[in-house]
C-alpha atoms as a PDB file:
ATOM      1  CA  MET A   1      -0.029   0.084   0.094  1.00  0.00           C
ATOM      2  CA  ASN A   2       1.152   3.728  -0.730  1.00  0.00           C
ATOM      3  CA  ASP A   3       1.909   5.375   2.518  1.00  0.00           C
ATOM      4  CA  ASP A   4       1.426   8.592   0.652  1.00  0.00           C
ATOM      5  CA  ALA A   5      -2.257   7.767  -0.750  1.00  0.00           C
ATOM      6  CA  GLU A   6      -4.091  10.082   1.464  1.00  0.00           C
ATOM      7  CA  GLN A   7      -1.989  12.999   0.217  1.00  0.00           C
ATOM      8  CA  GLN A   8      -2.168  11.987  -3.304  1.00  0.00           C
ATOM      9  CA  PRO A   9      -5.045  14.298  -5.205  1.00  0.00           C
ATOM     10  CA  LEU A  10      -7.714  12.215  -6.800  1.00  0.00           C
ATOM     11  CA  THR A  11      -7.501  12.243 -10.934  1.00  0.00           C
ATOM     12  CA  ARG A  12     -10.987  12.578 -13.019  1.00  0.00           C
ATOM     13  CA  VAL A  13     -10.753  10.262 -15.843  1.00  0.00           C
ATOM     14  CA  PRO A  14     -11.754  12.299 -18.786  1.00  0.00           C
ATOM     15  CA  SER A  15     -14.716   9.858 -19.859  1.00  0.00           C
ATOM     16  CA  TYR A  16     -15.477  11.622 -23.445  1.00  0.00           C
ATOM     17  CA  GLU A  17     -11.754  12.008 -24.335  1.00  0.00           C
ATOM     18  CA  ARG A  18     -11.296   8.170 -23.267  1.00  0.00           C
ATOM     19  CA  ASP A  19     -14.217   6.973 -25.160  1.00  0.00           C
ATOM     20  CA  GLN A  20     -12.828   8.629 -28.272  1.00  0.00           C
ATOM     21  CA  LEU A  21      -9.854   7.156 -28.150  1.00  0.00           C
ATOM     22  CA  ALA A  22     -11.210   3.779 -27.660  1.00  0.00           C
ATOM     23  CA  LYS A  23     -13.549   4.224 -30.634  1.00  0.00           C
ATOM     24  CA  ALA A  24     -10.505   5.503 -33.038  1.00  0.00           C
ATOM     25  CA  PHE A  25      -8.500   2.540 -31.760  1.00  0.00           C
ATOM     26  CA  VAL A  26     -11.247   0.245 -32.624  1.00  0.00           C
ATOM     27  CA  THR A  27     -11.483   1.645 -36.152  1.00  0.00           C
ATOM     28  CA  ALA A  28      -7.926   1.489 -36.612  1.00  0.00           C
ATOM     29  CA  LEU A  29      -7.583  -2.230 -36.255  1.00  0.00           C
ATOM     30  CA  THR A  30     -11.091  -3.276 -37.838  1.00  0.00           C
ATOM     31  CA  HIS A  31     -11.945  -1.128 -40.320  1.00  0.00           C
ATOM     32  CA  GLU A  32     -11.943  -2.706 -43.758  1.00  0.00           C
ATOM     33  CA  ASP A  33     -10.694   0.171 -45.793  1.00  0.00           C
ATOM     34  CA  PRO A  34      -7.203   1.179 -45.214  1.00  0.00           C
ATOM     35  CA  ASP A  35      -7.653   4.785 -45.667  1.00  0.00           C
ATOM     36  CA  THR A  36     -10.210   4.714 -42.850  1.00  0.00           C
ATOM     37  CA  ARG A  37      -7.856   2.631 -40.941  1.00  0.00           C
ATOM     38  CA  HIS A  38      -5.091   5.451 -41.371  1.00  0.00           C
ATOM     39  CA  ARG A  39      -6.863   8.348 -40.689  1.00  0.00           C
ATOM     40  CA  ALA A  40      -8.267   6.478 -37.342  1.00  0.00           C
ATOM     41  CA  GLU A  41      -4.523   5.734 -36.254  1.00  0.00           C
ATOM     42  CA  ASP A  42      -3.898   9.343 -36.561  1.00  0.00           C
ATOM     43  CA  ARG A  43      -7.132  10.051 -34.430  1.00  0.00           C
ATOM     44  CA  ALA A  44      -5.896   7.812 -31.903  1.00  0.00           C
ATOM     45  CA  ARG A  45      -2.527   9.423 -31.660  1.00  0.00           C
ATOM     46  CA  ARG A  46      -3.806  12.854 -31.147  1.00  0.00           C
ATOM     47  CA  TRP A  47      -6.474  11.762 -28.463  1.00  0.00           C
ATOM     48  CA  ARG A  48      -3.493   9.871 -26.601  1.00  0.00           C
ATOM     49  CA  ALA A  49      -1.617  13.126 -26.808  1.00  0.00           C
ATOM     50  CA  VAL A  50      -4.754  15.065 -24.853  1.00  0.00           C
ATOM     51  CA  LEU A  51      -5.113  12.208 -22.270  1.00  0.00           C
ATOM     52  CA  ASP A  52      -1.383  12.571 -21.387  1.00  0.00           C
ATOM     53  CA  GLY A  53      -1.506  16.390 -21.632  1.00  0.00           C
ATOM     54  CA  LEU A  54      -4.658  16.579 -19.212  1.00  0.00           C
ATOM     55  CA  ALA A  55      -2.451  14.222 -17.078  1.00  0.00           C
ATOM     56  CA  ASP A  56       0.510  15.730 -16.674  1.00  0.00           C
ATOM     57  CA  GLY A  57      -0.926  19.587 -16.770  1.00  0.00           C
ATOM     58  CA  SER A  58       0.475  20.780 -19.922  1.00  0.00           C
ATOM     59  CA  LEU A  59      -2.964  21.191 -21.217  1.00  0.00           C
ATOM     60  CA  THR A  60      -5.725  23.280 -19.701  1.00  0.00           C
ATOM     61  CA  VAL A  61      -9.281  22.580 -21.051  1.00  0.00           C
ATOM     62  CA  GLY A  62     -10.819  26.215 -21.662  1.00  0.00           C
ATOM     63  CA  SER A  63      -7.962  28.359 -21.591  1.00  0.00           C
ATOM     64  CA  ARG A  64      -7.352  31.173 -23.999  1.00  0.00           C
ATOM     65  CA  THR A  65      -3.582  29.472 -24.268  1.00  0.00           C
ATOM     66  CA  PRO A  66      -4.230  25.732 -23.638  1.00  0.00           C
ATOM     67  CA  VAL A  67      -0.912  24.321 -24.261  1.00  0.00           C
ATOM     68  CA  ALA A  68       1.514  25.426 -22.001  1.00  0.00           C
ATOM     69  CA  GLY A  69       4.691  27.003 -23.521  1.00  0.00           C
ATOM     70  CA  LEU A  70       2.619  28.398 -26.772  1.00  0.00           C
ATOM     71  CA  PRO A  71       1.459  31.962 -26.810  1.00  0.00           C
ATOM     72  CA  ALA A  72      -2.219  32.673 -27.515  1.00  0.00           C
ATOM     73  CA  TRP A  73      -1.479  33.547 -31.226  1.00  0.00           C
ATOM     74  CA  VAL A  74      -0.185  30.015 -32.108  1.00  0.00           C
ATOM     75  CA  THR A  75      -2.412  27.844 -33.732  1.00  0.00           C
ATOM     76  CA  PRO A  76      -2.967  24.687 -31.812  1.00  0.00           C
ATOM     77  CA  GLU A  77      -3.778  21.473 -32.790  1.00  0.00           C
ATOM     78  CA  VAL A  78      -7.220  20.080 -31.862  1.00  0.00           C
ATOM     79  CA  VAL A  79      -9.340  17.091 -32.231  1.00  0.00           C
ATOM     80  CA  ARG A  80     -13.165  16.583 -32.023  1.00  0.00           C
ATOM     81  CA  GLY A  81     -14.964  18.831 -29.275  1.00  0.00           C
ATOM     82  CA  GLY A  82     -12.062  21.418 -29.358  1.00  0.00           C
ATOM     83  CA  PHE A  83      -9.417  19.863 -27.219  1.00  0.00           C
ATOM     84  CA  ALA A  84      -5.853  20.817 -27.743  1.00  0.00           C
ATOM     85  CA  THR A  85      -3.780  17.821 -28.172  1.00  0.00           C
ATOM     86  CA  GLY A  86      -0.452  19.499 -26.946  1.00  0.00           C
ATOM     87  CA  GLU A  87       0.875  20.240 -30.331  1.00  0.00           C
ATOM     88  CA  ALA A  88       1.051  23.258 -32.850  1.00  0.00           C
ATOM     89  CA  SER A  89      -0.805  22.998 -35.938  1.00  0.00           C
ATOM     90  CA  ALA A  90       2.194  24.468 -37.888  1.00  0.00           C
ATOM     91  CA  GLY A  91       4.680  22.379 -35.912  1.00  0.00           C
ATOM     92  CA  GLY A  92       5.891  18.805 -36.468  1.00  0.00           C
ATOM     93  CA  PRO A  93       8.668  17.666 -39.029  1.00  0.00           C
ATOM     94  CA  LEU A  94       9.412  19.468 -41.966  1.00  0.00           C
ATOM     95  CA  GLN A  95       7.087  19.770 -44.916  1.00  0.00           C
ATOM     96  CA  PRO A  96       8.339  18.524 -48.528  1.00  0.00           C
ATOM     97  CA  TYR A  97       7.683  22.200 -49.621  1.00  0.00           C
ATOM     98  CA  GLU A  98      10.107  23.506 -47.065  1.00  0.00           C
ATOM     99  CA  LYS A  99      12.621  20.911 -47.864  1.00  0.00           C
ATOM    100  CA  ALA A 100      12.307  22.150 -51.245  1.00  0.00           C
ATOM    101  CA  ALA A 101      12.764  26.082 -49.969  1.00  0.00           C
ATOM    102  CA  ALA A 102      15.971  25.078 -48.026  1.00  0.00           C
ATOM    103  CA  ARG A 103      17.673  23.303 -51.207  1.00  0.00           C
ATOM    104  CA  ARG A 104      16.645  26.377 -53.488  1.00  0.00           C
ATOM    105  CA  ALA A 105      17.729  28.714 -51.025  1.00  0.00           C
ATOM    106  CA  GLY A 106      21.180  27.003 -50.216  1.00  0.00           C
ATOM    107  CA  VAL A 107      20.635  26.896 -46.654  1.00  0.00           C
ATOM    108  CA  GLN A 108      20.226  23.977 -44.136  1.00  0.00           C
ATOM    109  CA  ALA A 109      16.854  22.013 -44.229  1.00  0.00           C
ATOM    110  CA  ASP A 110      15.782  23.418 -40.658  1.00  0.00           C
ATOM    111  CA  ARG A 111      13.108  25.894 -39.996  1.00  0.00           C
ATOM    112  CA  ARG A 112      15.290  28.522 -38.165  1.00  0.00           C
ATOM    113  CA  ALA A 113      17.731  29.008 -41.481  1.00  0.00           C
ATOM    114  CA  LEU A 114      14.610  28.988 -43.566  1.00  0.00           C
ATOM    115  CA  PHE A 115      13.135  31.740 -41.212  1.00  0.00           C
ATOM    116  CA  ALA A 116      16.521  33.743 -41.227  1.00  0.00           C
ATOM    117  CA  HIS A 117      17.075  33.368 -45.026  1.00  0.00           C
ATOM    118  CA  ALA A 118      13.695  34.891 -45.602  1.00  0.00           C
ATOM    119  CA  LEU A 119      14.872  37.906 -43.841  1.00  0.00           C
ATOM    120  CA  THR A 120      17.622  38.445 -46.477  1.00  0.00           C
ATOM    121  CA  GLU A 121      17.570  40.513 -49.584  1.00  0.00           C
ATOM    122  CA  ALA A 122      17.209  37.566 -51.560  1.00  0.00           C
ATOM    123  CA  GLY A 123      14.694  36.025 -49.497  1.00  0.00           C
ATOM    124  CA  LEU A 124      12.488  39.378 -49.007  1.00  0.00           C
ATOM    125  CA  ALA A 125      12.565  39.481 -53.190  1.00  0.00           C
ATOM    126  CA  ASP A 126      11.327  35.362 -53.135  1.00  0.00           C
ATOM    127  CA  LEU A 127       8.331  36.748 -51.051  1.00  0.00           C
ATOM    128  CA  TYR A 128       7.475  39.725 -52.784  1.00  0.00           C
ATOM    129  CA  ALA A 129       7.024  37.630 -55.863  1.00  0.00           C
ATOM    130  CA  LEU A 130       4.889  35.085 -54.285  1.00  0.00           C
ATOM    131  CA  LEU A 131       2.816  38.432 -52.741  1.00  0.00           C
ATOM    132  CA  ASP A 132       2.618  39.905 -56.753  1.00  0.00           C
ATOM    133  CA  THR A 133       1.549  36.461 -58.160  1.00  0.00           C
ATOM    134  CA  GLY A 134      -0.575  35.184 -55.691  1.00  0.00           C
ATOM    135  CA  ARG A 135       0.723  31.821 -55.832  1.00  0.00           C
ATOM    136  CA  TYR A 136       0.682  30.558 -52.547  1.00  0.00           C
ATOM    137  CA  GLU A 137      -1.664  28.503 -49.853  1.00  0.00           C
ATOM    138  CA  VAL A 138      -2.176  29.092 -46.403  1.00  0.00           C
ATOM    139  CA  SER A 139      -3.184  26.126 -44.589  1.00  0.00           C
ATOM    140  CA  VAL A 140      -2.446  27.212 -41.163  1.00  0.00           C
ATOM    141  CA  PRO A 141      -2.050  31.269 -40.006  1.00  0.00           C
ATOM    142  CA  GLU A 142       1.459  30.750 -39.287  1.00  0.00           C
ATOM    143  CA  GLU A 143       2.200  29.967 -42.831  1.00  0.00           C
ATOM    144  CA  ALA A 144       1.308  33.469 -43.810  1.00  0.00           C
ATOM    145  CA  ALA A 145       3.572  35.106 -41.451  1.00  0.00           C
ATOM    146  CA  LEU A 146       6.713  35.958 -43.425  1.00  0.00           C
ATOM    147  CA  LEU A 147       4.302  36.893 -46.060  1.00  0.00           C
ATOM    148  CA  THR A 148       3.097  39.434 -43.621  1.00  0.00           C
ATOM    149  CA  VAL A 149       6.540  40.766 -42.992  1.00  0.00           C
ATOM    150  CA  ALA A 150       7.520  41.260 -46.615  1.00  0.00           C
ATOM    151  CA  TRP A 151       4.272  42.975 -46.820  1.00  0.00           C
ATOM    152  CA  LEU A 152       5.091  45.607 -43.945  1.00  0.00           C
ATOM    153  CA  VAL A 153       8.689  45.756 -45.521  1.00  0.00           C
ATOM    154  CA  ARG A 154       7.740  46.885 -48.898  1.00  0.00           C
ATOM    155  CA  SER A 155       4.931  49.611 -47.610  1.00  0.00           C
ATOM    156  CA  GLY A 156       7.617  50.832 -45.476  1.00  0.00           C
ATOM    157  CA  GLN A 157       6.256  50.022 -42.271  1.00  0.00           C
ATOM    158  CA  LEU A 158       9.612  49.103 -41.191  1.00  0.00           C
ATOM    159  CA  ALA A 159       8.905  49.174 -37.402  1.00  0.00           C
ATOM    160  CA  GLU A 160       6.151  47.158 -37.504  1.00  0.00           C
ATOM    161  CA  ALA A 161       7.907  44.510 -39.523  1.00  0.00           C
ATOM    162  CA  VAL A 162      10.785  44.560 -37.111  1.00  0.00           C
ATOM    163  CA  ALA A 163       8.298  44.172 -34.427  1.00  0.00           C
ATOM    164  CA  LEU A 164       6.545  41.214 -35.828  1.00  0.00           C
ATOM    165  CA  VAL A 165       9.937  39.450 -36.424  1.00  0.00           C
ATOM    166  CA  GLU A 166      10.803  39.795 -32.616  1.00  0.00           C
ATOM    167  CA  VAL A 167       7.493  37.980 -31.805  1.00  0.00           C
ATOM    168  CA  LEU A 168       7.999  35.293 -34.144  1.00  0.00           C
ATOM    169  CA  GLY A 169      11.863  34.702 -33.914  1.00  0.00           C
ATOM    170  CA  PRO A 170      11.750  32.592 -30.607  1.00  0.00           C
ATOM    171  CA  PHE A 171       9.529  30.048 -32.529  1.00  0.00           C
ATOM    172  CA  ALA A 172      11.053  30.069 -35.556  1.00  0.00           C
ATOM    173  CA  GLY A 173      12.938  26.677 -35.351  1.00  0.00           C
ATOM    174  CA  GLN A 174       9.626  25.100 -34.348  1.00  0.00           C
ATOM    175  CA  LEU A 175       6.992  26.566 -36.310  1.00  0.00           C
ATOM    176  CA  ARG A 176       6.245  26.354 -40.337  1.00  0.00           C
ATOM    177  CA  PHE A 177       6.561  30.348 -41.198  1.00  0.00           C
ATOM    178  CA  THR A 178       7.529  29.675 -44.792  1.00  0.00           C
ATOM    179  CA  PRO A 179       4.950  30.036 -47.229  1.00  0.00           C
ATOM    180  CA  ARG A 180       3.401  27.216 -48.896  1.00  0.00           C
ATOM    181  CA  PRO A 181       3.838  27.606 -52.852  1.00  0.00           C
ATOM    182  CA  SER A 182       1.159  26.929 -55.156  1.00  0.00           C
ATOM    183  CA  VAL A 183       0.923  26.226 -58.883  1.00  0.00           C
ATOM    184  CA  ALA A 184      -2.720  28.236 -59.321  1.00  0.00           C
ATOM    185  CA  PRO A 185      -2.893  31.911 -57.888  1.00  0.00           C
ATOM    186  CA  VAL A 186      -5.153  32.406 -54.524  1.00  0.00           C
ATOM    187  CA  PRO A 187      -8.309  32.417 -55.839  1.00  0.00           C
ATOM    188  CA  ASP A 188     -10.900  35.430 -55.702  1.00  0.00           C
ATOM    189  CA  ALA A 189     -12.397  36.090 -52.073  1.00  0.00           C
ATOM    190  CA  SER A 190     -15.871  35.808 -53.810  1.00  0.00           C
ATOM    191  CA  ALA A 191     -15.141  32.287 -55.209  1.00  0.00           C
ATOM    192  CA  VAL A 192     -17.042  29.025 -54.404  1.00  0.00           C
ATOM    193  CA  HIS A 193     -15.395  25.811 -53.627  1.00  0.00           C
ATOM    194  CA  ARG A 194     -17.459  22.592 -54.329  1.00  0.00           C
ATOM    195  CA  ARG A 195     -16.656  19.081 -54.585  1.00  0.00           C
ATOM    196  CA  THR A 196     -17.139  17.519 -57.989  1.00  0.00           C
ATOM    197  CA  VAL A 197     -19.761  14.728 -58.368  1.00  0.00           C
ATOM    198  CA  ALA A 198     -17.169  11.937 -58.288  1.00  0.00           C
ATOM    199  CA  ASP A 199     -15.508  12.978 -55.126  1.00  0.00           C
ATOM    200  CA  ALA A 200     -18.510  13.227 -53.058  1.00  0.00           C
ATOM    201  CA  GLY A 201     -19.547   9.893 -54.547  1.00  0.00           C
ATOM    202  CA  ARG A 202     -16.488   8.496 -53.115  1.00  0.00           C
ATOM    203  CA  THR A 203     -16.622   9.984 -49.744  1.00  0.00           C
ATOM    204  CA  LEU A 204     -20.127   8.878 -49.486  1.00  0.00           C
ATOM    205  CA  ALA A 205     -19.420   5.135 -50.594  1.00  0.00           C
ATOM    206  CA  ARG A 206     -16.939   4.972 -47.690  1.00  0.00           C
ATOM    207  CA  ARG A 207     -19.227   5.902 -45.351  1.00  0.00           C
ATOM    208  CA  ARG A 208     -21.070   2.993 -43.315  1.00  0.00           C
ATOM    209  CA  PRO A 209     -24.385   3.347 -41.643  1.00  0.00           C
ATOM    210  CA  HIS A 210     -24.528   4.153 -37.947  1.00  0.00           C
ATOM    211  CA  ALA A 211     -25.788   0.728 -36.057  1.00  0.00           C
ATOM    212  CA  GLY A 212     -27.947   3.294 -33.816  1.00  0.00           C
ATOM    213  CA  THR A 213     -29.438   5.086 -36.198  1.00  0.00           C
ATOM    214  CA  THR A 214     -30.138   2.073 -38.711  1.00  0.00           C
ATOM    215  CA  ALA A 215     -31.867   0.177 -35.633  1.00  0.00           C
ATOM    216  CA  ALA A 216     -33.976   3.233 -35.190  1.00  0.00           C
ATOM    217  CA  ALA A 217     -35.193   3.550 -38.378  1.00  0.00           C
ATOM    218  CA  ARG A 218     -36.280  -0.249 -38.545  1.00  0.00           C
ATOM    219  CA  GLY A 219     -38.389   0.560 -35.589  1.00  0.00           C
ATOM    220  CA  GLY A 220     -39.792   3.928 -36.619  1.00  0.00           C
ATOM    221  CA  ARG A 221     -38.040   5.502 -33.339  1.00  0.00           C
ATOM    222  CA  ASP A 222     -35.343   7.993 -33.029  1.00  0.00           C
ATOM    223  CA  PRO A 223     -32.136   6.954 -31.868  1.00  0.00           C
ATOM    224  CA  ALA A 224     -33.147   8.445 -28.186  1.00  0.00           C
ATOM    225  CA  GLY A 225     -35.967   5.740 -28.241  1.00  0.00           C
ATOM    226  CA  SER A 226     -38.819   8.274 -28.489  1.00  0.00           C
ATOM    227  CA  ALA A 227     -42.028   7.367 -31.058  1.00  0.00           C
ATOM    228  CA  HIS A 228     -41.350  10.401 -33.333  1.00  0.00           C
ATOM    229  CA  GLY A 229     -40.470   9.612 -36.769  1.00  0.00           C
ATOM    230  CA  LEU A 230     -36.723   9.795 -37.725  1.00  0.00           C
ATOM    231  CA  ALA A 231     -35.134  12.555 -39.461  1.00  0.00           C
ATOM    232  CA  ALA A 232     -31.472  12.125 -39.706  1.00  0.00           C
ATOM    233  CA  VAL A 233     -28.837  14.244 -41.511  1.00  0.00           C
ATOM    234  CA  ARG A 234     -25.633  12.783 -42.078  1.00  0.00           C
ATOM    235  CA  ARG A 235     -22.697  14.933 -43.442  1.00  0.00           C
END
């Protein structure tokens, strides 16, 4: 028996997070579709990170800065329900486009070296070209950070550009500030994006009926067991 048991605080077991991990784990092991299994493995990894962060105190649910060590402006990686995993969305290993950018610039393949190069005359010229052509993508806000610096410099707002660089600098080796190039220009703000019929058909074909919804439909009852007709909308 642990003699210090009375001094140890009770730990709440986060049932929602635990259940989501279990569902992802079962899907990763049993689903017939390889792509679905792969996505479930990734979900299980992220839910495991959520549970670990809650257990060790590095995550604070409901906080404006839920991840210890990351400021409020850093985009956290989140899972269903808005739970932060403890990682930054712009973190992780170098993306292929970042490695290609390092080769073109002739610098070491790491984010701090890419960040430093972007602030040179040659690096700023590359950023200006992206701004002029619009051939870039922004998957997370951090990927627009250096483009913003370049825009400020070119518009003569040097003090603001320096201030932004000072904010970004401590995270230059950790986060993805290099813009992601694109073959096509950024679409007009009024553009509407829709999936093709073929893409939508493939997505729907991979879906399987939910057991509870199917049973309720057969019995003419909703999933909660009421006698009202079933009206289920699934996305």
